PDB file of N, CA and C in Angstrom:
ATOM      1  N   MET A   1      19.925 -21.198  -3.517  1.00  0.00           N
ATOM      2  CA  MET A   1      19.094 -22.273  -2.827  1.00  0.00           C
ATOM      3  C   MET A   1      18.893 -21.796  -1.178  1.00  0.00           C
ATOM      4  N   PRO A   2      17.608 -21.568  -1.079  1.00  0.00           N
ATOM      5  CA  PRO A   2      17.110 -21.100   0.577  1.00  0.00           C
ATOM      6  C   PRO A   2      17.190 -21.992   1.059  1.00  0.00           C
ATOM      7  N   HIS A   3      17.320 -21.555   2.446  1.00  0.00           N
ATOM      8  CA  HIS A   3      18.052 -22.038   3.297  1.00  0.00           C
ATOM      9  C   HIS A   3      17.095 -21.164   4.993  1.00  0.00           C
ATOM     10  N   SER A   4      16.901 -21.836   5.729  1.00  0.00           N
ATOM     11  CA  SER A   4      16.237 -21.634   6.911  1.00  0.00           C
ATOM     12  C   SER A   4      16.628 -22.428   7.949  1.00  0.00           C
ATOM     13  N   LEU A   5      16.484 -21.942   9.415  1.00  0.00           N
ATOM     14  CA  LEU A   5      17.105 -21.887  10.440  1.00  0.00           C
ATOM     15  C   LEU A   5      16.190 -23.164  11.383  1.00  0.00           C
ATOM     16  N   ARG A   6      16.244 -24.600  11.251  1.00  0.00           N
ATOM     17  CA  ARG A   6      16.039 -25.645  11.960  1.00  0.00           C
ATOM     18  C   ARG A   6      16.510 -25.682  13.119  1.00  0.00           C
ATOM     19  N   PRO A   7      15.293 -26.402  13.862  1.00  0.00           N
ATOM     20  CA  PRO A   7      15.334 -27.147  15.068  1.00  0.00           C
ATOM     21  C   PRO A   7      16.574 -27.820  15.426  1.00  0.00           C
ATOM     22  N   HIS A   8      17.670 -27.803  16.341  1.00  0.00           N
ATOM     23  CA  HIS A   8      18.538 -28.740  15.958  1.00  0.00           C
ATOM     24  C   HIS A   8      18.056 -30.031  15.536  1.00  0.00           C
ATOM     25  N   GLY A   9      19.313 -30.607  15.355  1.00  0.00           N
ATOM     26  CA  GLY A   9      18.668 -32.208  14.676  1.00  0.00           C
ATOM     27  C   GLY A   9      17.468 -32.555  13.425  1.00  0.00           C
ATOM     28  N   GLN A  10      17.256 -31.691  12.852  1.00  0.00           N
ATOM     29  CA  GLN A  10      16.355 -31.587  11.677  1.00  0.00           C
ATOM     30  C   GLN A  10      16.661 -31.078  10.502  1.00  0.00           C
ATOM     31  N   VAL A  11      16.381 -31.590   9.848  1.00  0.00           N
ATOM     32  CA  VAL A  11      17.494 -31.091   8.158  1.00  0.00           C
ATOM     33  C   VAL A  11      16.367 -30.022   7.462  1.00  0.00           C
ATOM     34  N   THR A  12      16.686 -29.003   7.180  1.00  0.00           N
ATOM     35  CA  THR A  12      16.354 -27.960   6.300  1.00  0.00           C
ATOM     36  C   THR A  12      15.994 -28.643   4.814  1.00  0.00           C
ATOM     37  N   PRO A  13      14.904 -28.392   4.373  1.00  0.00           N
ATOM     38  CA  PRO A  13      14.635 -29.105   2.815  1.00  0.00           C
ATOM     39  C   PRO A  13      15.813 -28.314   2.008  1.00  0.00           C
ATOM     40  N   ALA A  14      16.762 -27.342   1.673  1.00  0.00           N
ATOM     41  CA  ALA A  14      17.996 -27.047   1.478  1.00  0.00           C
ATOM     42  C   ALA A  14      18.910 -28.580   1.972  1.00  0.00           C
ATOM     43  N   LEU A  15      19.333 -28.318   3.220  1.00  0.00           N
ATOM     44  CA  LEU A  15      20.496 -29.313   2.718  1.00  0.00           C
ATOM     45  C   LEU A  15      19.561 -31.072   2.561  1.00  0.00           C
ATOM     46  N   ASP A  16      18.594 -31.385   2.454  1.00  0.00           N
ATOM     47  CA  ASP A  16      18.039 -32.338   1.820  1.00  0.00           C
ATOM     48  C   ASP A  16      18.726 -32.561   0.267  1.00  0.00           C
ATOM     49  N   GLN A  17      18.458 -31.327  -0.304  1.00  0.00           N
ATOM     50  CA  GLN A  17      18.016 -31.167  -1.595  1.00  0.00           C
ATOM     51  C   GLN A  17      19.905 -30.915  -2.222  1.00  0.00           C
ATOM     52  N   VAL A  18      20.648 -30.913  -0.902  1.00  0.00           N
ATOM     53  CA  VAL A  18      22.237 -30.271  -1.206  1.00  0.00           C
ATOM     54  C   VAL A  18      22.554 -31.970  -1.269  1.00  0.00           C
ATOM     55  N   ASN A  19      22.173 -32.754  -0.302  1.00  0.00           N
ATOM     56  CA  ASN A  19      22.430 -34.294  -0.226  1.00  0.00           C
ATOM     57  C   ASN A  19      21.905 -35.140  -1.019  1.00  0.00           C
ATOM     58  N   ASP A  20      20.596 -34.978  -1.316  1.00  0.00           N
ATOM     59  CA  ASP A  20      20.103 -35.463  -3.010  1.00  0.00           C
ATOM     60  C   ASP A  20      21.286 -35.269  -4.053  1.00  0.00           C
ATOM     61  N   ARG A  21      21.603 -33.865  -4.209  1.00  0.00           N
ATOM     62  CA  ARG A  21      22.517 -34.093  -5.696  1.00  0.00           C
ATOM     63  C   ARG A  21      23.597 -34.581  -5.398  1.00  0.00           C
ATOM     64  N   ILE A  22      24.301 -34.899  -4.290  1.00  0.00           N
ATOM     65  CA  ILE A  22      25.477 -35.284  -4.410  1.00  0.00           C
ATOM     66  C   ILE A  22      25.607 -36.849  -4.313  1.00  0.00           C
ATOM     67  N   ARG A  23      24.021 -37.377  -3.858  1.00  0.00           N
ATOM     68  CA  ARG A  23      23.963 -38.834  -4.221  1.00  0.00           C
ATOM     69  C   ARG A  23      24.365 -39.041  -5.715  1.00  0.00           C
ATOM     70  N   ARG A  24      23.181 -38.464  -6.049  1.00  0.00           N
ATOM     71  CA  ARG A  24      23.207 -38.667  -8.042  1.00  0.00           C
ATOM     72  C   ARG A  24      24.509 -38.548  -8.467  1.00  0.00           C
ATOM     73  N   LEU A  25      24.979 -37.095  -8.422  1.00  0.00           N
ATOM     74  CA  LEU A  25      26.391 -37.366  -8.545  1.00  0.00           C
ATOM     75  C   LEU A  25      27.152 -38.589  -8.606  1.00  0.00           C
ATOM     76  N   MET A  26      27.064 -39.116  -7.386  1.00  0.00           N
ATOM     77  CA  MET A  26      27.991 -40.008  -6.706  1.00  0.00           C
ATOM     78  C   MET A  26      27.843 -41.390  -7.912  1.00  0.00           C
ATOM     79  N   ASP A  27      26.483 -41.566  -8.851  1.00  0.00           N
ATOM     80  CA  ASP A  27      26.117 -41.932  -9.615  1.00  0.00           C
ATOM     81  C   ASP A  27      26.711 -42.327 -10.743  1.00  0.00           C
ATOM     82  N   GLU A  28      27.129 -40.910 -11.152  1.00  0.00           N
ATOM     83  CA  GLU A  28      27.874 -40.354 -12.441  1.00  0.00           C
ATOM     84  C   GLU A  28      29.173 -41.189 -12.427  1.00  0.00           C
ATOM     85  N   PRO A  29      29.835 -41.473 -13.272  1.00  0.00           N
ATOM     86  CA  PRO A  29      30.830 -41.894 -13.420  1.00  0.00           C
ATOM     87  C   PRO A  29      32.436 -40.834 -13.341  1.00  0.00           C
ATOM     88  N   ALA A  30      32.981 -41.415 -12.399  1.00  0.00           N
ATOM     89  CA  ALA A  30      34.044 -40.638 -11.339  1.00  0.00           C
ATOM     90  C   ALA A  30      35.102 -40.131 -13.140  1.00  0.00           C
ATOM     91  N   GLY A  31      35.750 -38.650 -12.540  1.00  0.00           N
ATOM     92  CA  GLY A  31      36.306 -38.128 -13.780  1.00  0.00           C
ATOM     93  C   GLY A  31      36.590 -36.434 -12.996  1.00  0.00           C
ATOM     94  N   GLU A  32      37.107 -35.712 -13.715  1.00  0.00           N
ATOM     95  CA  GLU A  32      37.491 -34.565 -13.396  1.00  0.00           C
ATOM     96  C   GLU A  32      36.174 -33.820 -13.255  1.00  0.00           C
ATOM     97  N   GLU A  33      35.042 -33.085 -14.286  1.00  0.00           N
ATOM     98  CA  GLU A  33      33.574 -32.866 -13.879  1.00  0.00           C
ATOM     99  C   GLU A  33      33.290 -33.467 -12.798  1.00  0.00           C
ATOM    100  N   ARG A  34      33.292 -34.409 -12.275  1.00  0.00           N
ATOM    101  CA  ARG A  34      32.507 -34.870 -11.526  1.00  0.00           C
ATOM    102  C   ARG A  34      33.128 -34.571  -9.921  1.00  0.00           C
ATOM    103  N   SER A  35      34.548 -34.608  -9.715  1.00  0.00           N
ATOM    104  CA  SER A  35      35.234 -34.128  -8.861  1.00  0.00           C
ATOM    105  C   SER A  35      34.899 -33.008  -8.818  1.00  0.00           C
ATOM    106  N   ALA A  36      34.982 -32.135 -10.005  1.00  0.00           N
ATOM    107  CA  ALA A  36      34.828 -30.577  -9.591  1.00  0.00           C
ATOM    108  C   ALA A  36      33.056 -29.946  -9.209  1.00  0.00           C
ATOM    109  N   SER A  37      32.290 -30.974  -9.352  1.00  0.00           N
ATOM    110  CA  SER A  37      30.995 -30.606  -9.494  1.00  0.00           C
ATOM    111  C   SER A  37      31.092 -31.014  -7.779  1.00  0.00           C
ATOM    112  N   TYR A  38      31.527 -32.000  -7.238  1.00  0.00           N
ATOM    113  CA  TYR A  38      31.325 -32.554  -6.213  1.00  0.00           C
ATOM    114  C   TYR A  38      31.720 -31.684  -4.947  1.00  0.00           C
ATOM    115  N   ALA A  39      33.312 -30.995  -4.998  1.00  0.00           N
ATOM    116  CA  ALA A  39      33.900 -30.120  -4.560  1.00  0.00           C
ATOM    117  C   ALA A  39      32.934 -28.728  -4.595  1.00  0.00           C
ATOM    118  N   GLU A  40      31.804 -28.448  -5.182  1.00  0.00           N
ATOM    119  CA  GLU A  40      31.141 -27.754  -4.862  1.00  0.00           C
ATOM    120  C   GLU A  40      30.186 -27.524  -4.279  1.00  0.00           C
ATOM    121  N   LEU A  41      29.739 -29.370  -4.814  1.00  0.00           N
ATOM    122  CA  LEU A  41      28.913 -29.075  -3.521  1.00  0.00           C
ATOM    123  C   LEU A  41      29.026 -29.439  -2.233  1.00  0.00           C
ATOM    124  N   LEU A  42      30.440 -29.836  -1.866  1.00  0.00           N
ATOM    125  CA  LEU A  42      30.456 -29.446  -0.366  1.00  0.00           C
ATOM    126  C   LEU A  42      30.679 -27.995   0.070  1.00  0.00           C
ATOM    127  N   VAL A  43      31.052 -27.109  -0.956  1.00  0.00           N
ATOM    128  CA  VAL A  43      31.290 -26.229  -0.329  1.00  0.00           C
ATOM    129  C   VAL A  43      29.862 -25.745   0.094  1.00  0.00           C
ATOM    130  N   GLU A  44      28.586 -26.171  -1.012  1.00  0.00           N
ATOM    131  CA  GLU A  44      27.612 -25.379  -0.507  1.00  0.00           C
ATOM    132  C   GLU A  44      26.582 -26.225   0.464  1.00  0.00           C
ATOM    133  N   TRP A  45      26.801 -27.364   0.627  1.00  0.00           N
ATOM    134  CA  TRP A  45      26.627 -28.476   1.669  1.00  0.00           C
ATOM    135  C   TRP A  45      26.645 -27.715   2.908  1.00  0.00           C
ATOM    136  N   ALA A  46      28.622 -26.879   3.184  1.00  0.00           N
ATOM    137  CA  ALA A  46      28.992 -26.384   4.908  1.00  0.00           C
ATOM    138  C   ALA A  46      27.825 -25.139   4.758  1.00  0.00           C
ATOM    139  N   GLU A  47      27.660 -24.422   3.728  1.00  0.00           N
ATOM    140  CA  GLU A  47      27.083 -23.230   3.611  1.00  0.00           C
ATOM    141  C   GLU A  47      25.103 -23.575   4.337  1.00  0.00           C
ATOM    142  N   VAL A  48      24.687 -24.417   3.758  1.00  0.00           N
ATOM    143  CA  VAL A  48      23.649 -24.742   4.291  1.00  0.00           C
ATOM    144  C   VAL A  48      23.445 -25.251   5.792  1.00  0.00           C
ATOM    145  N   SER A  49      24.165 -26.659   6.026  1.00  0.00           N
ATOM    146  CA  SER A  49      24.571 -26.570   7.193  1.00  0.00           C
ATOM    147  C   SER A  49      25.009 -26.265   8.480  1.00  0.00           C
ATOM    148  N   ARG A  50      25.600 -24.900   8.213  1.00  0.00           N
ATOM    149  CA  ARG A  50      25.733 -23.687   8.678  1.00  0.00           C
ATOM    150  C   ARG A  50      25.220 -23.287  10.230  1.00  0.00           C
ATOM    151  N   ASP A  51      23.946 -23.264   9.699  1.00  0.00           N
ATOM    152  CA  ASP A  51      22.424 -22.978  10.606  1.00  0.00           C
ATOM    153  C   ASP A  51      22.538 -23.837  12.138  1.00  0.00           C
ATOM    154  N   ASP A  52      22.840 -24.919  12.222  1.00  0.00           N
ATOM    155  CA  ASP A  52      22.804 -25.775  12.953  1.00  0.00           C
ATOM    156  C   ASP A  52      23.963 -25.505  14.172  1.00  0.00           C
ATOM    157  N   VAL A  53      24.787 -24.661  13.487  1.00  0.00           N
ATOM    158  CA  VAL A  53      26.581 -24.717  14.699  1.00  0.00           C
ATOM    159  C   VAL A  53      26.019 -23.924  15.714  1.00  0.00           C
ATOM    160  N   VAL A  54      26.521 -23.913  16.641  1.00  0.00           N
ATOM    161  CA  VAL A  54      26.347 -22.810  17.974  1.00  0.00           C
ATOM    162  C   VAL A  54      27.585 -22.850  18.179  1.00  0.00           C
ATOM    163  N   GLN A  55      28.003 -21.667  18.425  1.00  0.00           N
ATOM    164  CA  GLN A  55      29.357 -21.515  18.892  1.00  0.00           C
ATOM    165  C   GLN A  55      29.475 -21.280  20.755  1.00  0.00           C
ATOM    166  N   ALA A  56      30.414 -21.741  20.951  1.00  0.00           N
ATOM    167  CA  ALA A  56      30.598 -21.719  22.610  1.00  0.00           C
ATOM    168  C   ALA A  56      31.205 -20.885  23.467  1.00  0.00           C
ATOM    169  N   ALA A  57      30.921 -20.766  24.517  1.00  0.00           N
ATOM    170  CA  ALA A  57      31.146 -19.251  25.176  1.00  0.00           C
ATOM    171  C   ALA A  57      32.418 -18.561  24.704  1.00  0.00           C
TER     172      ALA A  57
END
């Protein structure tokens, strides 16, 4: 999944895609498969959203 740097406060298309996949997943019945998929999507979300983090001095 491609991601790019973004100005602070704006969402990249990649982050939008992950958020959309999470929303669609929540419409599925609860179960082990959904839980595993959700965990994978959270890791993906964290990687894509990391571009907006600024390290402290």
